[in-house]
Structure formats: structure tokens, C-alpha cells
Amino acid sequence: MAVTVIDHPLAQVLLTALRDRSTPPPLFRLIAKRLSLILCVEATRAIPTTPVRIETPLRPTAGNRLEPLVAVPILRAGLGMLEAVTELFPEVSVGYLGLERDHATFEPSLYYSKLPPLENRTALLLDPMLATGGSAAAACSALEAGGPRHITLLSVVAAPEGIARLQAAHPAVDVYTVAIDEGLDANAYIVPGLGDFGDRLFGT
């Protein structure tokens, strides 16, 4: 499993704004989208393309078209990253996975799954907080059942514990994140993190 930390200055500035507890939900949503755009561009560097011939206004030339791509946000926080993906890749197929974490055991349970065809496609899994890694690992299992070519996880911040768990369960999955934080607290929240991404995204 390859873990890539996006160290672009703009990404780090946007992450700082997301971490700031005084950032209100409307601005949090805008910043989350902009940061997700950077993550998505970096995470799709190796996406397969197909060579094509096209006509420019002057003459024929060679070009490339993307092979089928699937984006799957983990509800609900992953929705804050989805618009960035659909703007960059308008023809992307979108699926949804609903995972709820038990606050006593910190283990996830799947309560909703709606996935498009995945066979031989690249899947982008959108989960802004890779904390314990339980939800990401469960989501990867659900995706792998569909036979994708490759799975790439996009996370705004990640904890070492989550990376280690995902590495053990799904070593072929690549991770792109903007920061690897110190670790998890007693409630399995990422420290320093940025709080509950879904609550801050939707103002709940």
C-alpha cells in the first residue's frame, strides 16, 4: 500500500482553515471542496487512459480519454468531497456506502450500499477522516466484492492507526491524504484532527 501525503502549500493552507474551530459550516464546505479538488487531481495521476484520434480545427491529432471511473463517498462525511470529483470527472459513476460506528466498540456496521458496476474500473473511495480504519476497511471489502481494477482512498487527514489497519486488511489500496496526524484519543477521534467532519460540514 502506498501512502501519499499532499504537501502542496495551498493544500496545507486549506487544511489549516478546516482545522480552525471558528470556521463556520458554509466556509467549511467550500474549503473542503477545494481541498478535495487537490486531492483528486493528485490521486488520479495514474488513472488508465485510452488513446484516441480527434480532429482539431486545423488537423487530426492524438489524444487520450479516461477509462471508466467510480467515486464512492462514505456517508455522510464523504459527501463533502463528492462534488469535487464530479466536477473534475463529469462522466464518473457514483455509488454510496453508509457505515455507522459503534461508539462503544468503535467498529463499523454497514447500513446502506448502492454501487454501480465496478468490474475493471478504478474506484475512488471518499472518506475525509481515516481514524481507526474500520470504516475504510469495511468499505474496501464492499468495493472489492465488485472486482474493481484498483481502489484509491482519499482522506483529508489520517491517523497512523487507521493507516496500519488498512495496510493489514487491504494492502493493495493506495491512500492520498493531506496530513498524517499524531494519533487517536480515548474516543477514537484524530488528534489534532479537525473535529467531526460531518457535523462541521452540515452544521449539526
N, C-alpha and C. Protein backbone atom coordinates (compact mmCIF):
# COMPACT_ATOMS: atom_id res chain seq x y z
N MET A 1 0.85 -1.20 0.00
CA MET A 1 0.00 0.00 0.00
C MET A 1 0.88 1.24 0.00
N ALA A 2 0.62 2.14 -0.94
CA ALA A 2 1.34 3.41 -0.98
C ALA A 2 0.52 4.49 -0.28
N VAL A 3 1.17 5.26 0.58
CA VAL A 3 0.52 6.39 1.25
C VAL A 3 1.20 7.66 0.78
N THR A 4 0.43 8.55 0.16
CA THR A 4 0.96 9.81 -0.37
C THR A 4 0.40 10.97 0.43
N VAL A 5 1.27 11.78 0.99
CA VAL A 5 0.86 12.99 1.72
C VAL A 5 1.03 14.18 0.79
N ILE A 6 -0.05 14.89 0.54
CA ILE A 6 -0.03 16.04 -0.37
C ILE A 6 0.56 17.24 0.38
N ASP A 7 1.77 17.65 0.01
CA ASP A 7 2.43 18.73 0.73
C ASP A 7 2.40 20.06 -0.03
N HIS A 8 1.50 20.15 -1.01
CA HIS A 8 1.36 21.42 -1.74
C HIS A 8 1.00 22.53 -0.76
N PRO A 9 1.63 23.70 -0.86
CA PRO A 9 1.35 24.79 0.08
C PRO A 9 -0.14 25.15 0.16
N LEU A 10 -0.84 25.17 -0.97
CA LEU A 10 -2.25 25.51 -0.94
C LEU A 10 -3.04 24.47 -0.15
N ALA A 11 -2.70 23.21 -0.32
CA ALA A 11 -3.40 22.15 0.43
C ALA A 11 -3.20 22.35 1.93
N GLN A 12 -1.99 22.72 2.33
CA GLN A 12 -1.71 22.90 3.75
C GLN A 12 -2.43 24.12 4.32
N VAL A 13 -2.54 25.18 3.52
CA VAL A 13 -3.27 26.37 3.95
C VAL A 13 -4.76 26.05 4.11
N LEU A 14 -5.33 25.32 3.15
CA LEU A 14 -6.73 24.95 3.23
C LEU A 14 -6.99 24.03 4.42
N LEU A 15 -6.06 23.11 4.69
CA LEU A 15 -6.22 22.23 5.84
C LEU A 15 -6.22 23.03 7.14
N THR A 16 -5.36 24.03 7.22
CA THR A 16 -5.32 24.87 8.42
C THR A 16 -6.67 25.52 8.66
N ALA A 17 -7.31 25.98 7.60
CA ALA A 17 -8.63 26.61 7.73
C ALA A 17 -9.68 25.59 8.17
N LEU A 18 -9.58 24.36 7.69
CA LEU A 18 -10.52 23.33 8.11
C LEU A 18 -10.32 22.97 9.58
N ARG A 19 -9.10 22.97 10.04
CA ARG A 19 -8.82 22.63 11.44
C ARG A 19 -9.36 23.70 12.40
N ASP A 20 -9.38 24.94 11.95
CA ASP A 20 -9.77 26.07 12.81
C ASP A 20 -11.22 25.91 13.28
N ARG A 21 -11.41 25.83 14.58
CA ARG A 21 -12.75 25.61 15.13
C ARG A 21 -13.71 26.76 14.85
N SER A 22 -13.18 27.95 14.51
CA SER A 22 -14.04 29.10 14.24
C SER A 22 -14.55 29.14 12.80
N THR A 23 -14.12 28.21 11.93
CA THR A 23 -14.58 28.19 10.54
C THR A 23 -16.04 27.74 10.50
N PRO A 24 -16.97 28.58 10.01
CA PRO A 24 -18.39 28.22 10.00
C PRO A 24 -18.71 27.20 8.91
N PRO A 25 -19.83 26.48 9.04
CA PRO A 25 -20.18 25.43 8.07
C PRO A 25 -20.16 25.86 6.60
N PRO A 26 -20.71 27.02 6.21
CA PRO A 26 -20.67 27.38 4.78
C PRO A 26 -19.24 27.49 4.25
N LEU A 27 -18.36 28.09 5.03
CA LEU A 27 -16.97 28.21 4.61
C LEU A 27 -16.26 26.86 4.69
N PHE A 28 -16.61 26.07 5.69
CA PHE A 28 -16.02 24.73 5.83
C PHE A 28 -16.33 23.89 4.59
N ARG A 29 -17.57 23.96 4.10
CA ARG A 29 -17.95 23.20 2.90
C ARG A 29 -17.16 23.65 1.68
N LEU A 30 -17.00 24.95 1.52
CA LEU A 30 -16.26 25.49 0.38
C LEU A 30 -14.79 25.06 0.43
N ILE A 31 -14.19 25.17 1.59
CA ILE A 31 -12.78 24.79 1.72
C ILE A 31 -12.61 23.29 1.52
N ALA A 32 -13.54 22.51 2.06
CA ALA A 32 -13.46 21.05 1.89
C ALA A 32 -13.51 20.67 0.42
N LYS A 33 -14.34 21.35 -0.34
CA LYS A 33 -14.43 21.07 -1.77
C LYS A 33 -13.12 21.42 -2.47
N ARG A 34 -12.56 22.58 -2.16
CA ARG A 34 -11.31 23.00 -2.80
C ARG A 34 -10.16 22.05 -2.46
N LEU A 35 -10.12 21.63 -1.22
CA LEU A 35 -9.07 20.70 -0.82
C LEU A 35 -9.27 19.34 -1.49
N SER A 36 -10.51 18.94 -1.64
CA SER A 36 -10.81 17.67 -2.31
C SER A 36 -10.41 17.70 -3.78
N LEU A 37 -10.52 18.86 -4.41
CA LEU A 37 -10.07 19.00 -5.79
C LEU A 37 -8.58 18.70 -5.90
N ILE A 38 -7.80 19.24 -4.98
CA ILE A 38 -6.35 18.99 -4.99
C ILE A 38 -6.08 17.51 -4.77
N LEU A 39 -6.75 16.93 -3.79
CA LEU A 39 -6.57 15.50 -3.50
C LEU A 39 -6.90 14.65 -4.72
N CYS A 40 -8.01 14.99 -5.38
CA CYS A 40 -8.48 14.20 -6.51
C CYS A 40 -7.50 14.27 -7.69
N VAL A 41 -6.99 15.46 -7.96
CA VAL A 41 -6.03 15.62 -9.05
C VAL A 41 -4.78 14.76 -8.79
N GLU A 42 -4.28 14.82 -7.56
CA GLU A 42 -3.09 14.06 -7.22
C GLU A 42 -3.36 12.55 -7.25
N ALA A 43 -4.53 12.15 -6.77
CA ALA A 43 -4.85 10.73 -6.65
C ALA A 43 -5.12 10.07 -7.99
N THR A 44 -5.38 10.86 -9.03
CA THR A 44 -5.72 10.28 -10.33
C THR A 44 -4.58 10.41 -11.35
N ARG A 45 -3.38 10.65 -10.87
CA ARG A 45 -2.23 10.75 -11.79
C ARG A 45 -2.04 9.48 -12.60
N ALA A 46 -2.33 8.34 -12.00
CA ALA A 46 -2.07 7.06 -12.67
C ALA A 46 -3.34 6.42 -13.23
N ILE A 47 -4.41 7.16 -13.31
CA ILE A 47 -5.66 6.59 -13.82
C ILE A 47 -5.48 6.16 -15.28
N PRO A 48 -5.97 4.98 -15.66
CA PRO A 48 -5.78 4.50 -17.03
C PRO A 48 -6.49 5.39 -18.06
N THR A 49 -5.86 5.56 -19.21
CA THR A 49 -6.45 6.29 -20.32
C THR A 49 -6.39 5.44 -21.58
N THR A 50 -7.24 5.78 -22.52
CA THR A 50 -7.28 5.09 -23.80
C THR A 50 -6.89 6.08 -24.90
N PRO A 51 -5.94 5.73 -25.78
CA PRO A 51 -5.56 6.64 -26.87
C PRO A 51 -6.69 6.77 -27.89
N VAL A 52 -6.90 7.98 -28.37
CA VAL A 52 -7.93 8.25 -29.38
C VAL A 52 -7.37 9.20 -30.44
N ARG A 53 -8.02 9.24 -31.58
CA ARG A 53 -7.72 10.22 -32.63
C ARG A 53 -8.87 11.21 -32.69
N ILE A 54 -8.55 12.49 -32.72
CA ILE A 54 -9.58 13.52 -32.81
C ILE A 54 -9.22 14.51 -33.91
N GLU A 55 -10.20 15.34 -34.26
CA GLU A 55 -10.00 16.41 -35.24
C GLU A 55 -9.94 17.74 -34.51
N THR A 56 -8.81 18.44 -34.58
CA THR A 56 -8.76 19.80 -34.07
C THR A 56 -9.28 20.72 -35.18
N PRO A 57 -9.45 22.02 -34.94
CA PRO A 57 -9.86 22.91 -36.02
C PRO A 57 -8.87 22.96 -37.18
N LEU A 58 -7.64 22.48 -36.96
CA LEU A 58 -6.62 22.56 -38.00
C LEU A 58 -6.27 21.22 -38.63
N ARG A 59 -6.17 20.16 -37.82
CA ARG A 59 -5.80 18.86 -38.38
C ARG A 59 -6.06 17.76 -37.34
N PRO A 60 -6.00 16.50 -37.76
CA PRO A 60 -6.16 15.39 -36.80
C PRO A 60 -4.96 15.32 -35.86
N THR A 61 -5.19 14.80 -34.67
CA THR A 61 -4.10 14.61 -33.71
C THR A 61 -4.47 13.49 -32.74
N ALA A 62 -3.47 13.05 -31.99
CA ALA A 62 -3.69 12.00 -31.00
C ALA A 62 -4.08 12.62 -29.66
N GLY A 63 -4.88 11.89 -28.90
CA GLY A 63 -5.29 12.35 -27.57
C GLY A 63 -5.57 11.17 -26.65
N ASN A 64 -6.16 11.45 -25.52
CA ASN A 64 -6.48 10.40 -24.55
C ASN A 64 -7.86 10.62 -23.96
N ARG A 65 -8.53 9.49 -23.65
CA ARG A 65 -9.78 9.54 -22.91
C ARG A 65 -9.65 8.65 -21.69
N LEU A 66 -10.30 9.08 -20.61
CA LEU A 66 -10.24 8.30 -19.38
C LEU A 66 -11.05 7.02 -19.48
N GLU A 67 -10.53 5.97 -18.88
CA GLU A 67 -11.30 4.75 -18.75
C GLU A 67 -12.30 4.94 -17.61
N PRO A 68 -13.33 4.08 -17.53
CA PRO A 68 -14.40 4.28 -16.54
C PRO A 68 -13.89 4.42 -15.11
N LEU A 69 -14.49 5.37 -14.41
CA LEU A 69 -14.09 5.71 -13.05
C LEU A 69 -15.33 5.70 -12.16
N VAL A 70 -15.18 5.24 -10.94
CA VAL A 70 -16.28 5.20 -9.97
C VAL A 70 -15.86 5.95 -8.72
N ALA A 71 -16.73 6.82 -8.22
CA ALA A 71 -16.50 7.52 -6.96
C ALA A 71 -17.50 7.02 -5.93
N VAL A 72 -17.01 6.72 -4.74
CA VAL A 72 -17.89 6.18 -3.69
C VAL A 72 -17.61 6.91 -2.37
N PRO A 73 -18.46 7.88 -2.01
CA PRO A 73 -18.32 8.52 -0.71
C PRO A 73 -18.90 7.63 0.39
N ILE A 74 -18.25 7.64 1.55
CA ILE A 74 -18.82 7.00 2.74
C ILE A 74 -19.72 8.03 3.41
N LEU A 75 -20.98 7.68 3.55
CA LEU A 75 -21.95 8.62 4.13
C LEU A 75 -21.65 8.82 5.62
N ARG A 76 -21.85 10.05 6.09
CA ARG A 76 -22.29 11.20 5.34
C ARG A 76 -21.15 12.15 5.02
N ALA A 77 -20.05 12.03 5.79
CA ALA A 77 -18.95 12.98 5.66
C ALA A 77 -18.34 12.98 4.26
N GLY A 78 -18.30 11.81 3.61
CA GLY A 78 -17.72 11.72 2.28
C GLY A 78 -18.43 12.55 1.23
N LEU A 79 -19.68 12.93 1.51
CA LEU A 79 -20.41 13.78 0.57
C LEU A 79 -19.74 15.13 0.38
N GLY A 80 -18.99 15.58 1.37
CA GLY A 80 -18.29 16.85 1.26
C GLY A 80 -17.15 16.82 0.25
N MET A 81 -16.77 15.64 -0.21
CA MET A 81 -15.70 15.51 -1.18
C MET A 81 -16.22 15.16 -2.57
N LEU A 82 -17.47 14.76 -2.66
CA LEU A 82 -18.00 14.22 -3.91
C LEU A 82 -18.09 15.25 -5.03
N GLU A 83 -18.54 16.45 -4.72
CA GLU A 83 -18.73 17.45 -5.77
C GLU A 83 -17.43 17.77 -6.50
N ALA A 84 -16.33 17.74 -5.77
CA ALA A 84 -15.03 17.99 -6.41
C ALA A 84 -14.73 16.93 -7.45
N VAL A 85 -15.04 15.68 -7.14
CA VAL A 85 -14.78 14.59 -8.08
C VAL A 85 -15.68 14.69 -9.31
N THR A 86 -16.95 14.96 -9.10
CA THR A 86 -17.88 15.03 -10.23
C THR A 86 -17.60 16.24 -11.12
N GLU A 87 -17.03 17.30 -10.56
CA GLU A 87 -16.66 18.44 -11.39
C GLU A 87 -15.45 18.12 -12.26
N LEU A 88 -14.49 17.42 -11.70
CA LEU A 88 -13.30 17.05 -12.47
C LEU A 88 -13.60 15.96 -13.48
N PHE A 89 -14.48 15.03 -13.12
CA PHE A 89 -14.80 13.89 -13.97
C PHE A 89 -16.32 13.79 -14.13
N PRO A 90 -16.91 14.59 -15.04
CA PRO A 90 -18.36 14.64 -15.17
C PRO A 90 -19.01 13.29 -15.50
N GLU A 91 -18.26 12.39 -16.13
CA GLU A 91 -18.85 11.11 -16.53
C GLU A 91 -18.65 10.02 -15.48
N VAL A 92 -18.14 10.38 -14.31
CA VAL A 92 -17.89 9.39 -13.27
C VAL A 92 -19.20 8.75 -12.79
N SER A 93 -19.16 7.47 -12.52
CA SER A 93 -20.29 6.79 -11.89
C SER A 93 -20.15 6.96 -10.38
N VAL A 94 -21.28 7.11 -9.70
CA VAL A 94 -21.24 7.37 -8.26
C VAL A 94 -22.01 6.30 -7.51
N GLY A 95 -21.38 5.76 -6.49
CA GLY A 95 -22.03 4.83 -5.57
C GLY A 95 -22.00 5.41 -4.17
N TYR A 96 -22.72 4.76 -3.25
CA TYR A 96 -22.77 5.25 -1.87
C TYR A 96 -22.66 4.08 -0.90
N LEU A 97 -21.91 4.29 0.18
CA LEU A 97 -21.82 3.32 1.26
C LEU A 97 -22.14 4.03 2.57
N GLY A 98 -23.08 3.49 3.32
CA GLY A 98 -23.41 4.03 4.63
C GLY A 98 -22.83 3.15 5.72
N LEU A 99 -21.93 3.71 6.52
CA LEU A 99 -21.31 2.96 7.61
C LEU A 99 -21.46 3.75 8.91
N GLU A 100 -21.90 3.06 9.95
CA GLU A 100 -22.10 3.70 11.23
C GLU A 100 -21.19 3.07 12.27
N ARG A 101 -20.48 3.93 13.03
CA ARG A 101 -19.53 3.41 14.02
C ARG A 101 -20.19 3.26 15.38
N ASP A 102 -20.00 2.11 15.99
CA ASP A 102 -20.48 1.86 17.35
C ASP A 102 -19.58 2.65 18.30
N HIS A 103 -20.19 3.49 19.13
CA HIS A 103 -19.39 4.37 19.99
C HIS A 103 -18.74 3.64 21.16
N ALA A 104 -19.15 2.41 21.38
CA ALA A 104 -18.55 1.62 22.46
C ALA A 104 -17.36 0.80 21.94
N THR A 105 -17.56 0.16 20.79
CA THR A 105 -16.50 -0.71 20.24
C THR A 105 -15.68 -0.04 19.16
N PHE A 106 -16.18 1.08 18.62
CA PHE A 106 -15.56 1.81 17.51
C PHE A 106 -15.55 1.01 16.21
N GLU A 107 -16.33 -0.08 16.17
CA GLU A 107 -16.40 -0.91 14.97
C GLU A 107 -17.56 -0.46 14.09
N PRO A 108 -17.40 -0.51 12.75
CA PRO A 108 -18.45 -0.03 11.85
C PRO A 108 -19.46 -1.12 11.50
N SER A 109 -20.65 -0.68 11.15
CA SER A 109 -21.65 -1.59 10.59
C SER A 109 -22.22 -0.95 9.33
N LEU A 110 -22.42 -1.76 8.30
CA LEU A 110 -22.93 -1.26 7.02
C LEU A 110 -24.44 -1.19 7.06
N TYR A 111 -25.00 0.00 6.84
CA TYR A 111 -26.45 0.14 6.85
C TYR A 111 -27.01 0.51 5.48
N TYR A 112 -26.13 0.84 4.53
CA TYR A 112 -26.63 1.19 3.19
C TYR A 112 -25.53 0.95 2.16
N SER A 113 -25.91 0.38 1.03
CA SER A 113 -24.96 0.15 -0.06
C SER A 113 -25.69 0.27 -1.39
N LYS A 114 -25.21 1.16 -2.22
CA LYS A 114 -25.74 1.34 -3.57
C LYS A 114 -24.54 1.62 -4.48
N LEU A 115 -24.13 0.58 -5.22
CA LEU A 115 -22.91 0.68 -6.00
C LEU A 115 -23.17 0.43 -7.48
N PRO A 116 -22.53 1.20 -8.36
CA PRO A 116 -22.61 0.94 -9.80
C PRO A 116 -21.70 -0.23 -10.15
N PRO A 117 -21.67 -0.69 -11.40
CA PRO A 117 -20.72 -1.73 -11.79
C PRO A 117 -19.28 -1.29 -11.50
N LEU A 118 -18.52 -2.19 -10.90
CA LEU A 118 -17.15 -1.88 -10.50
C LEU A 118 -16.09 -2.67 -11.25
N GLU A 119 -16.49 -3.71 -11.95
CA GLU A 119 -15.53 -4.62 -12.57
C GLU A 119 -14.60 -3.89 -13.52
N ASN A 120 -13.30 -4.05 -13.28
CA ASN A 120 -12.23 -3.47 -14.11
C ASN A 120 -12.24 -1.95 -14.12
N ARG A 121 -12.86 -1.33 -13.13
CA ARG A 121 -12.86 0.13 -13.03
C ARG A 121 -11.98 0.58 -11.87
N THR A 122 -11.51 1.81 -11.95
CA THR A 122 -10.81 2.42 -10.83
C THR A 122 -11.83 3.04 -9.90
N ALA A 123 -11.75 2.71 -8.62
CA ALA A 123 -12.69 3.23 -7.63
C ALA A 123 -11.99 4.23 -6.72
N LEU A 124 -12.60 5.40 -6.57
CA LEU A 124 -12.12 6.41 -5.64
C LEU A 124 -13.03 6.37 -4.41
N LEU A 125 -12.49 5.95 -3.29
CA LEU A 125 -13.24 5.89 -2.04
C LEU A 125 -13.01 7.20 -1.29
N LEU A 126 -14.10 7.88 -0.94
CA LEU A 126 -14.02 9.20 -0.32
C LEU A 126 -14.38 9.12 1.16
N ASP A 127 -13.39 9.29 2.02
CA ASP A 127 -13.59 9.24 3.47
C ASP A 127 -12.65 10.26 4.09
N PRO A 128 -13.17 11.43 4.46
CA PRO A 128 -12.27 12.52 4.86
C PRO A 128 -11.45 12.27 6.11
N MET A 129 -11.90 11.34 6.98
CA MET A 129 -11.18 11.07 8.22
C MET A 129 -10.83 9.59 8.31
N LEU A 130 -9.57 9.25 8.12
CA LEU A 130 -9.11 7.88 8.30
C LEU A 130 -8.63 7.75 9.74
N ALA A 131 -9.53 7.35 10.63
CA ALA A 131 -9.23 7.31 12.06
C ALA A 131 -8.79 5.92 12.49
N THR A 132 -9.74 5.09 12.93
CA THR A 132 -9.38 3.71 13.31
C THR A 132 -9.10 2.85 12.09
N GLY A 133 -9.65 3.26 10.95
CA GLY A 133 -9.51 2.46 9.74
C GLY A 133 -10.61 1.44 9.57
N GLY A 134 -11.50 1.33 10.56
CA GLY A 134 -12.56 0.33 10.49
C GLY A 134 -13.53 0.57 9.35
N SER A 135 -14.00 1.80 9.23
CA SER A 135 -14.96 2.12 8.17
C SER A 135 -14.32 1.99 6.80
N ALA A 136 -13.09 2.48 6.66
CA ALA A 136 -12.40 2.39 5.37
C ALA A 136 -12.16 0.94 4.98
N ALA A 137 -11.77 0.10 5.94
CA ALA A 137 -11.53 -1.31 5.65
C ALA A 137 -12.82 -2.01 5.25
N ALA A 138 -13.91 -1.71 5.95
CA ALA A 138 -15.20 -2.32 5.62
C ALA A 138 -15.67 -1.86 4.24
N ALA A 139 -15.46 -0.58 3.94
CA ALA A 139 -15.84 -0.05 2.63
C ALA A 139 -15.02 -0.70 1.52
N CYS A 140 -13.74 -0.88 1.75
CA CYS A 140 -12.89 -1.53 0.75
C CYS A 140 -13.34 -2.96 0.50
N SER A 141 -13.75 -3.67 1.54
CA SER A 141 -14.26 -5.03 1.37
C SER A 141 -15.50 -5.03 0.51
N ALA A 142 -16.39 -4.06 0.73
CA ALA A 142 -17.61 -3.96 -0.08
C ALA A 142 -17.28 -3.68 -1.53
N LEU A 143 -16.29 -2.82 -1.76
CA LEU A 143 -15.91 -2.49 -3.13
C LEU A 143 -15.20 -3.65 -3.82
N GLU A 144 -14.32 -4.32 -3.09
CA GLU A 144 -13.56 -5.42 -3.69
C GLU A 144 -14.46 -6.55 -4.17
N ALA A 145 -15.62 -6.69 -3.55
CA ALA A 145 -16.55 -7.73 -3.97
C ALA A 145 -17.03 -7.50 -5.41
N GLY A 146 -16.96 -6.25 -5.87
CA GLY A 146 -17.39 -5.92 -7.23
C GLY A 146 -16.30 -6.06 -8.28
N GLY A 147 -15.08 -6.41 -7.87
CA GLY A 147 -13.99 -6.64 -8.83
C GLY A 147 -13.41 -5.42 -9.49
N PRO A 148 -13.15 -4.33 -8.75
CA PRO A 148 -12.55 -3.15 -9.38
C PRO A 148 -11.10 -3.41 -9.78
N ARG A 149 -10.62 -2.64 -10.73
CA ARG A 149 -9.21 -2.72 -11.13
C ARG A 149 -8.31 -2.27 -9.98
N HIS A 150 -8.72 -1.18 -9.34
CA HIS A 150 -7.91 -0.62 -8.26
C HIS A 150 -8.80 0.25 -7.38
N ILE A 151 -8.43 0.35 -6.10
CA ILE A 151 -9.14 1.23 -5.16
C ILE A 151 -8.14 2.23 -4.60
N THR A 152 -8.51 3.51 -4.63
CA THR A 152 -7.71 4.57 -4.04
C THR A 152 -8.56 5.31 -3.03
N LEU A 153 -8.04 5.45 -1.81
CA LEU A 153 -8.75 6.15 -0.75
C LEU A 153 -8.26 7.59 -0.67
N LEU A 154 -9.21 8.53 -0.67
CA LEU A 154 -8.90 9.95 -0.49
C LEU A 154 -9.37 10.37 0.89
N SER A 155 -8.44 10.84 1.73
CA SER A 155 -8.76 11.31 3.08
C SER A 155 -8.11 12.66 3.32
N VAL A 156 -8.82 13.53 4.00
CA VAL A 156 -8.25 14.84 4.33
C VAL A 156 -7.14 14.67 5.36
N VAL A 157 -7.44 13.96 6.45
CA VAL A 157 -6.42 13.66 7.47
C VAL A 157 -6.50 12.19 7.83
N ALA A 158 -5.37 11.64 8.25
CA ALA A 158 -5.31 10.22 8.60
C ALA A 158 -4.54 10.05 9.90
N ALA A 159 -4.88 9.00 10.63
CA ALA A 159 -4.15 8.62 11.84
C ALA A 159 -3.28 7.41 11.53
N PRO A 160 -2.13 7.31 12.17
CA PRO A 160 -1.27 6.14 11.94
C PRO A 160 -1.99 4.81 12.19
N GLU A 161 -2.89 4.79 13.18
CA GLU A 161 -3.63 3.58 13.49
C GLU A 161 -4.52 3.15 12.32
N GLY A 162 -5.15 4.11 11.68
CA GLY A 162 -6.02 3.81 10.54
C GLY A 162 -5.23 3.32 9.35
N ILE A 163 -4.09 3.94 9.11
CA ILE A 163 -3.24 3.52 8.00
C ILE A 163 -2.77 2.08 8.22
N ALA A 164 -2.35 1.78 9.47
CA ALA A 164 -1.85 0.43 9.77
C ALA A 164 -2.95 -0.61 9.58
N ARG A 165 -4.16 -0.30 10.03
CA ARG A 165 -5.26 -1.26 9.88
C ARG A 165 -5.61 -1.49 8.42
N LEU A 166 -5.64 -0.43 7.66
CA LEU A 166 -5.96 -0.57 6.24
C LEU A 166 -4.86 -1.33 5.51
N GLN A 167 -3.63 -1.08 5.89
CA GLN A 167 -2.50 -1.79 5.30
C GLN A 167 -2.61 -3.29 5.56
N ALA A 168 -3.01 -3.65 6.76
CA ALA A 168 -3.12 -5.07 7.11
C ALA A 168 -4.29 -5.74 6.39
N ALA A 169 -5.40 -5.02 6.25
CA ALA A 169 -6.60 -5.62 5.67
C ALA A 169 -6.64 -5.53 4.16
N HIS A 170 -6.10 -4.45 3.60
CA HIS A 170 -6.20 -4.21 2.15
C HIS A 170 -4.89 -3.60 1.64
N PRO A 171 -3.84 -4.40 1.56
CA PRO A 171 -2.52 -3.86 1.20
C PRO A 171 -2.43 -3.30 -0.22
N ALA A 172 -3.38 -3.63 -1.09
CA ALA A 172 -3.32 -3.13 -2.47
C ALA A 172 -3.95 -1.75 -2.62
N VAL A 173 -4.63 -1.26 -1.58
CA VAL A 173 -5.30 0.04 -1.65
C VAL A 173 -4.28 1.15 -1.42
N ASP A 174 -4.32 2.19 -2.25
CA ASP A 174 -3.46 3.35 -2.07
C ASP A 174 -4.22 4.45 -1.33
N VAL A 175 -3.49 5.23 -0.54
CA VAL A 175 -4.08 6.29 0.26
C VAL A 175 -3.46 7.63 -0.11
N TYR A 176 -4.32 8.63 -0.32
CA TYR A 176 -3.87 10.01 -0.52
C TYR A 176 -4.48 10.85 0.58
N THR A 177 -3.66 11.60 1.28
CA THR A 177 -4.12 12.43 2.38
C THR A 177 -3.32 13.72 2.42
N VAL A 178 -3.82 14.69 3.17
CA VAL A 178 -3.12 15.96 3.30
C VAL A 178 -2.26 15.99 4.56
N ALA A 179 -2.56 15.11 5.52
CA ALA A 179 -1.77 15.08 6.75
C ALA A 179 -1.94 13.75 7.45
N ILE A 180 -0.84 13.26 8.03
CA ILE A 180 -0.90 12.13 8.95
C ILE A 180 -0.72 12.72 10.34
N ASP A 181 -1.79 12.69 11.14
CA ASP A 181 -1.77 13.34 12.44
C ASP A 181 -1.12 12.44 13.50
N GLU A 182 -1.11 12.93 14.74
CA GLU A 182 -0.41 12.25 15.83
C GLU A 182 -1.00 10.88 16.16
N GLY A 183 -2.32 10.79 16.18
CA GLY A 183 -2.94 9.53 16.55
C GLY A 183 -4.38 9.73 16.98
N LEU A 184 -4.90 8.77 17.76
CA LEU A 184 -6.28 8.80 18.21
C LEU A 184 -6.36 9.05 19.72
N ASP A 185 -7.42 9.74 20.14
CA ASP A 185 -7.64 9.92 21.57
C ASP A 185 -8.47 8.75 22.11
N ALA A 186 -8.90 8.84 23.37
CA ALA A 186 -9.63 7.75 24.00
C ALA A 186 -10.97 7.47 23.34
N ASN A 187 -11.51 8.46 22.62
CA ASN A 187 -12.79 8.30 21.92
C ASN A 187 -12.59 7.97 20.44
N ALA A 188 -11.36 7.66 20.05
CA ALA A 188 -11.01 7.30 18.67
C ALA A 188 -11.20 8.45 17.70
N TYR A 189 -11.02 9.68 18.20
CA TYR A 189 -11.00 10.85 17.32
C TYR A 189 -9.55 11.18 16.99
N ILE A 190 -9.33 11.65 15.76
CA ILE A 190 -7.98 12.00 15.33
C ILE A 190 -7.51 13.27 16.06
N VAL A 191 -6.27 13.23 16.56
CA VAL A 191 -5.66 14.36 17.25
C VAL A 191 -4.41 14.81 16.47
N PRO A 192 -4.25 16.13 16.17
CA PRO A 192 -5.17 17.22 16.50
C PRO A 192 -6.45 17.22 15.65
N GLY A 193 -6.42 16.57 14.49
CA GLY A 193 -7.63 16.42 13.70
C GLY A 193 -8.30 17.73 13.33
N LEU A 194 -9.62 17.64 13.15
CA LEU A 194 -10.40 18.85 12.86
C LEU A 194 -11.83 18.70 13.37
N GLY A 195 -12.00 17.80 14.34
CA GLY A 195 -13.33 17.58 14.89
C GLY A 195 -14.12 16.57 14.07
N ASP A 196 -15.43 16.56 14.23
CA ASP A 196 -16.30 15.68 13.48
C ASP A 196 -16.58 16.31 12.11
N PHE A 197 -16.01 15.73 11.06
CA PHE A 197 -16.10 16.33 9.73
C PHE A 197 -17.55 16.48 9.29
N GLY A 198 -18.37 15.46 9.49
CA GLY A 198 -19.77 15.52 9.08
C GLY A 198 -20.54 16.58 9.82
N ASP A 199 -20.35 16.68 11.12
CA ASP A 199 -21.05 17.71 11.91
C ASP A 199 -20.64 19.10 11.46
N ARG A 200 -19.36 19.31 11.22
CA ARG A 200 -18.90 20.64 10.81
C ARG A 200 -19.33 20.96 9.38
N LEU A 201 -19.42 19.92 8.56
CA LEU A 201 -19.83 20.11 7.17
C LEU A 201 -21.28 20.55 7.08
N PHE A 202 -22.14 19.92 7.88
CA PHE A 202 -23.58 20.15 7.78
C PHE A 202 -24.15 21.00 8.91
N GLY A 203 -23.28 21.46 9.83
CA GLY A 203 -23.72 22.35 10.88
C GLY A 203 -24.60 21.68 11.91
N THR A 204 -24.32 20.39 12.19
CA THR A 204 -25.16 19.66 13.16
C THR A 204 -24.40 19.43 14.47
